[in-house]
Amino acid sequence: MTPFPLPRLGAMAAACALLLPSMAQSRPVTITTQLKNYGGDDAYLAVYLTSAQGAYAGTLWVAGRKAKYYKHLGEWNRLSATDNQRLLGITGASVGPGRTLKVTADLADALLDAGYEIRIDAAAEDMRDSPAEVRLPLSQTQAGQPLAGKQYIQSMRFDLP
């Protein structure tokens, strides 16, 4: 499979600034999401972080550019509603069945093993919405370990350098 092409955006680092405490060490985290061949339209995906308490901590990427469909990314839409910068430079095309989405973001080392999760909400036209399709702990032991999704996602993993 050829990965779904996405540029590594410098704006992504700026959008994640709230995730980087000043003077903290950070590293690039690459999140790879392989979609199932589910036989429908392209999926909208919201890739975001939550704290150990389940609070919204930031949006890493949104695949799908039409804002009218963001309401179908239910958990992300609800949790991030007050973040007026949640989409700043971090959106791209929706992702087709069987395709791969690769996102790279700089995250503070302090977030690792601190109870944070990478979550992905998914939705496709004329199909069921799938809030929190994947919930993957942001821990060093989980790095590189794929996790299956519920409806649209075959597997998701994150890799550390």
C-alpha atoms as a PDB file:
ATOM      1  CA  MET A   1       0.000   0.000   0.000  1.00  0.00           C
ATOM      2  CA  THR A   2       1.208   3.473  -0.800  1.00  0.00           C
ATOM      3  CA  PRO A   3       0.657   5.837   2.134  1.00  0.00           C
ATOM      4  CA  PHE A   4      -1.842   8.648   1.657  1.00  0.00           C
ATOM      5  CA  PRO A   5       0.444  11.590   0.821  1.00  0.00           C
ATOM      6  CA  LEU A   6       0.508  14.372   3.401  1.00  0.00           C
ATOM      7  CA  PRO A   7       3.098  17.093   3.729  1.00  0.00           C
ATOM      8  CA  ARG A   8       4.840  17.435   7.051  1.00  0.00           C
ATOM      9  CA  LEU A   9       3.619  20.851   8.019  1.00  0.00           C
ATOM     10  CA  GLY A  10       5.579  23.322  10.075  1.00  0.00           C
ATOM     11  CA  ALA A  11       2.212  24.748  11.100  1.00  0.00           C
ATOM     12  CA  MET A  12       1.485  21.476  12.881  1.00  0.00           C
ATOM     13  CA  ALA A  13       4.197  22.268  15.410  1.00  0.00           C
ATOM     14  CA  ALA A  14       2.630  25.677  15.978  1.00  0.00           C
ATOM     15  CA  ALA A  15      -0.815  24.124  16.417  1.00  0.00           C
ATOM     16  CA  CYS A  16       0.615  21.779  19.027  1.00  0.00           C
ATOM     17  CA  ALA A  17       2.309  24.602  20.948  1.00  0.00           C
ATOM     18  CA  LEU A  18      -0.124  24.170  23.803  1.00  0.00           C
ATOM     19  CA  LEU A  19       1.236  20.646  24.134  1.00  0.00           C
ATOM     20  CA  LEU A  20       4.813  21.803  24.547  1.00  0.00           C
ATOM     21  CA  PRO A  21       5.553  23.329  27.938  1.00  0.00           C
ATOM     22  CA  SER A  22       8.250  25.973  27.650  1.00  0.00           C
ATOM     23  CA  MET A  23      11.805  24.654  27.766  1.00  0.00           C
ATOM     24  CA  ALA A  24      10.545  21.050  27.566  1.00  0.00           C
ATOM     25  CA  GLN A  25      12.168  18.374  25.451  1.00  0.00           C
ATOM     26  CA  SER A  26      10.063  17.172  22.543  1.00  0.00           C
ATOM     27  CA  ARG A  27      10.259  14.580  19.821  1.00  0.00           C
ATOM     28  CA  PRO A  28       8.449  13.797  16.599  1.00  0.00           C
ATOM     29  CA  VAL A  29       5.739  11.182  16.958  1.00  0.00           C
ATOM     30  CA  THR A  30       4.511   9.528  13.768  1.00  0.00           C
ATOM     31  CA  ILE A  31       0.957   8.175  13.828  1.00  0.00           C
ATOM     32  CA  THR A  32       0.116   5.646  11.112  1.00  0.00           C
ATOM     33  CA  THR A  33      -3.521   4.740  10.497  1.00  0.00           C
ATOM     34  CA  GLN A  34      -4.494   2.005   8.025  1.00  0.00           C
ATOM     35  CA  LEU A  35      -8.150   2.029   7.002  1.00  0.00           C
ATOM     36  CA  LYS A  36     -10.170  -1.117   6.294  1.00  0.00           C
ATOM     37  CA  ASN A  37     -11.650  -1.724   2.860  1.00  0.00           C
ATOM     38  CA  TYR A  38     -15.109  -0.978   4.266  1.00  0.00           C
ATOM     39  CA  GLY A  39     -16.813  -0.364   0.895  1.00  0.00           C
ATOM     40  CA  GLY A  40     -18.022   3.201   1.358  1.00  0.00           C
ATOM     41  CA  ASP A  41     -17.085   6.814   0.806  1.00  0.00           C
ATOM     42  CA  ASP A  42     -13.843   8.328   2.074  1.00  0.00           C
ATOM     43  CA  ALA A  43     -13.612   8.722   5.835  1.00  0.00           C
ATOM     44  CA  TYR A  44     -13.267  11.853   7.881  1.00  0.00           C
ATOM     45  CA  LEU A  45     -10.827  11.350  10.771  1.00  0.00           C
ATOM     46  CA  ALA A  46      -9.934  13.514  13.758  1.00  0.00           C
ATOM     47  CA  VAL A  47      -6.626  12.625  15.431  1.00  0.00           C
ATOM     48  CA  TYR A  48      -6.338  14.261  18.849  1.00  0.00           C
ATOM     49  CA  LEU A  49      -4.901  13.960  22.360  1.00  0.00           C
ATOM     50  CA  THR A  50      -6.699  13.629  25.661  1.00  0.00           C
ATOM     51  CA  SER A  51      -5.296  13.857  29.174  1.00  0.00           C
ATOM     52  CA  ALA A  52      -5.383  11.121  31.797  1.00  0.00           C
ATOM     53  CA  GLN A  53      -8.713  12.600  32.937  1.00  0.00           C
ATOM     54  CA  GLY A  54     -10.154  12.425  29.397  1.00  0.00           C
ATOM     55  CA  ALA A  55      -9.953  16.183  28.818  1.00  0.00           C
ATOM     56  CA  TYR A  56      -9.126  17.504  25.348  1.00  0.00           C
ATOM     57  CA  ALA A  57      -5.409  18.334  25.054  1.00  0.00           C
ATOM     58  CA  GLY A  58      -5.094  19.243  21.362  1.00  0.00           C
ATOM     59  CA  THR A  59      -5.851  18.335  17.765  1.00  0.00           C
ATOM     60  CA  LEU A  60      -3.040  16.708  15.789  1.00  0.00           C
ATOM     61  CA  TRP A  61      -4.777  16.293  12.410  1.00  0.00           C
ATOM     62  CA  VAL A  62      -8.219  16.347  10.784  1.00  0.00           C
ATOM     63  CA  ALA A  63      -8.661  14.434   7.528  1.00  0.00           C
ATOM     64  CA  GLY A  64     -11.573  16.001   5.666  1.00  0.00           C
ATOM     65  CA  ARG A  65     -11.916  19.655   4.767  1.00  0.00           C
ATOM     66  CA  LYS A  66     -15.687  20.265   4.829  1.00  0.00           C
ATOM     67  CA  ALA A  67     -16.524  21.668   8.262  1.00  0.00           C
ATOM     68  CA  LYS A  68     -20.206  20.765   7.900  1.00  0.00           C
ATOM     69  CA  TYR A  69     -19.221  17.101   8.471  1.00  0.00           C
ATOM     70  CA  TYR A  70     -17.156  17.703  11.629  1.00  0.00           C
ATOM     71  CA  LYS A  71     -20.264  17.214  13.767  1.00  0.00           C
ATOM     72  CA  HIS A  72     -20.010  13.515  12.826  1.00  0.00           C
ATOM     73  CA  LEU A  73     -16.621  13.344  14.560  1.00  0.00           C
ATOM     74  CA  GLY A  74     -18.623  13.453  17.777  1.00  0.00           C
ATOM     75  CA  GLU A  75     -16.161  13.124  20.659  1.00  0.00           C
ATOM     76  CA  TRP A  76     -13.520  15.317  19.052  1.00  0.00           C
ATOM     77  CA  ASN A  77     -16.112  17.917  18.036  1.00  0.00           C
ATOM     78  CA  ARG A  78     -17.585  18.038  21.543  1.00  0.00           C
ATOM     79  CA  LEU A  79     -14.247  18.056  23.388  1.00  0.00           C
ATOM     80  CA  SER A  80     -12.551  20.611  21.130  1.00  0.00           C
ATOM     81  CA  ALA A  81     -15.512  22.966  20.649  1.00  0.00           C
ATOM     82  CA  THR A  82     -13.955  25.769  22.710  1.00  0.00           C
ATOM     83  CA  ASP A  83     -10.550  25.547  20.972  1.00  0.00           C
ATOM     84  CA  ASN A  84     -10.733  28.288  18.331  1.00  0.00           C
ATOM     85  CA  GLN A  85      -7.344  27.164  16.932  1.00  0.00           C
ATOM     86  CA  ARG A  86      -8.186  23.449  16.671  1.00  0.00           C
ATOM     87  CA  LEU A  87      -7.897  23.472  12.869  1.00  0.00           C
ATOM     88  CA  LEU A  88      -5.045  25.913  12.367  1.00  0.00           C
ATOM     89  CA  GLY A  89      -2.909  24.377   9.601  1.00  0.00           C
ATOM     90  CA  ILE A  90      -3.805  20.780  10.426  1.00  0.00           C
ATOM     91  CA  THR A  91      -6.403  19.642   7.917  1.00  0.00           C
ATOM     92  CA  GLY A  92      -6.151  17.568   4.782  1.00  0.00           C
ATOM     93  CA  ALA A  93      -8.215  15.450   2.441  1.00  0.00           C
ATOM     94  CA  SER A  94     -10.459  12.655   3.662  1.00  0.00           C
ATOM     95  CA  VAL A  95      -8.992   9.140   3.511  1.00  0.00           C
ATOM     96  CA  GLY A  96     -10.292   6.401   1.210  1.00  0.00           C
ATOM     97  CA  PRO A  97     -11.005   2.797   2.161  1.00  0.00           C
ATOM     98  CA  GLY A  98      -7.819   0.722   2.295  1.00  0.00           C
ATOM     99  CA  ARG A  99      -5.605   3.813   2.347  1.00  0.00           C
ATOM    100  CA  THR A 100      -3.055   4.907   4.948  1.00  0.00           C
ATOM    101  CA  LEU A 101      -2.891   8.216   6.793  1.00  0.00           C
ATOM    102  CA  LYS A 102       0.465   9.209   8.283  1.00  0.00           C
ATOM    103  CA  VAL A 103       0.706  12.197  10.624  1.00  0.00           C
ATOM    104  CA  THR A 104       3.836  13.501  12.346  1.00  0.00           C
ATOM    105  CA  ALA A 105       3.652  15.901  15.296  1.00  0.00           C
ATOM    106  CA  ASP A 106       6.188  17.172  17.815  1.00  0.00           C
ATOM    107  CA  LEU A 107       5.015  16.239  21.311  1.00  0.00           C
ATOM    108  CA  ALA A 108       6.561  17.070  24.660  1.00  0.00           C
ATOM    109  CA  ASP A 109       8.414  14.151  26.259  1.00  0.00           C
ATOM    110  CA  ALA A 110       6.474  14.907  29.454  1.00  0.00           C
ATOM    111  CA  LEU A 111       3.295  13.610  27.763  1.00  0.00           C
ATOM    112  CA  LEU A 112       4.752  10.091  27.402  1.00  0.00           C
ATOM    113  CA  ASP A 113       3.726   7.692  30.155  1.00  0.00           C
ATOM    114  CA  ALA A 114       1.620  10.442  31.791  1.00  0.00           C
ATOM    115  CA  GLY A 115      -1.802   8.960  31.003  1.00  0.00           C
ATOM    116  CA  TYR A 116      -2.384  10.784  27.713  1.00  0.00           C
ATOM    117  CA  GLU A 117      -4.146   9.015  24.834  1.00  0.00           C
ATOM    118  CA  ILE A 118      -4.097   9.451  21.098  1.00  0.00           C
ATOM    119  CA  ARG A 119      -7.688   9.140  19.921  1.00  0.00           C
ATOM    120  CA  ILE A 120      -9.211   8.970  16.478  1.00  0.00           C
ATOM    121  CA  ASP A 121     -12.858   9.651  15.691  1.00  0.00           C
ATOM    122  CA  ALA A 122     -14.068   8.425  12.298  1.00  0.00           C
ATOM    123  CA  ALA A 123     -17.102   8.936  10.066  1.00  0.00           C
ATOM    124  CA  ALA A 124     -18.070   8.244   6.461  1.00  0.00           C
ATOM    125  CA  GLU A 125     -21.083   9.457   4.491  1.00  0.00           C
ATOM    126  CA  ASP A 126     -24.186   7.254   4.795  1.00  0.00           C
ATOM    127  CA  MET A 127     -22.455   5.045   7.373  1.00  0.00           C
ATOM    128  CA  ARG A 128     -22.335   4.971  11.171  1.00  0.00           C
ATOM    129  CA  ASP A 129     -20.208   7.515  13.019  1.00  0.00           C
ATOM    130  CA  SER A 130     -17.477   6.005  15.160  1.00  0.00           C
ATOM    131  CA  PRO A 131     -16.449   8.275  18.049  1.00  0.00           C
ATOM    132  CA  ALA A 132     -13.227   7.200  19.751  1.00  0.00           C
ATOM    133  CA  GLU A 133     -12.724   4.582  17.030  1.00  0.00           C
ATOM    134  CA  VAL A 134      -9.249   4.062  18.485  1.00  0.00           C
ATOM    135  CA  ARG A 135      -7.883   5.030  21.910  1.00  0.00           C
ATOM    136  CA  LEU A 136      -4.162   4.392  22.154  1.00  0.00           C
ATOM    137  CA  PRO A 137      -2.182   5.184  25.340  1.00  0.00           C
ATOM    138  CA  LEU A 138       0.754   7.520  24.674  1.00  0.00           C
ATOM    139  CA  SER A 139       3.298   5.331  26.435  1.00  0.00           C
ATOM    140  CA  GLN A 140       6.749   4.086  25.505  1.00  0.00           C
ATOM    141  CA  THR A 141       5.625   0.453  25.840  1.00  0.00           C
ATOM    142  CA  GLN A 142       2.764   1.069  23.373  1.00  0.00           C
ATOM    143  CA  ALA A 143       5.046   2.695  20.758  1.00  0.00           C
ATOM    144  CA  GLY A 144       5.186   0.631  17.581  1.00  0.00           C
ATOM    145  CA  GLN A 145       2.369  -1.669  18.734  1.00  0.00           C
ATOM    146  CA  PRO A 146      -0.645  -1.613  16.373  1.00  0.00           C
ATOM    147  CA  LEU A 147      -4.160  -1.435  17.780  1.00  0.00           C
ATOM    148  CA  ALA A 148      -7.283  -2.388  15.797  1.00  0.00           C
ATOM    149  CA  GLY A 149     -10.131   0.062  15.365  1.00  0.00           C
ATOM    150  CA  LYS A 150     -13.826  -0.633  15.775  1.00  0.00           C
ATOM    151  CA  GLN A 151     -15.348   0.124  12.365  1.00  0.00           C
ATOM    152  CA  TYR A 152     -13.216   1.950   9.793  1.00  0.00           C
ATOM    153  CA  ILE A 153      -9.658   1.530  11.046  1.00  0.00           C
ATOM    154  CA  GLN A 154      -7.753  -1.696  10.418  1.00  0.00           C
ATOM    155  CA  SER A 155      -4.879  -0.604  12.655  1.00  0.00           C
ATOM    156  CA  MET A 156      -3.300   2.450  14.222  1.00  0.00           C
ATOM    157  CA  ARG A 157       0.090   2.830  15.836  1.00  0.00           C
ATOM    158  CA  PHE A 158       2.522   5.541  16.757  1.00  0.00           C
ATOM    159  CA  ASP A 159       6.290   5.445  16.440  1.00  0.00           C
ATOM    160  CA  LEU A 160       8.976   7.294  18.350  1.00  0.00           C
ATOM    161  CA  PRO A 161      12.470   8.037  17.021  1.00  0.00           C
END
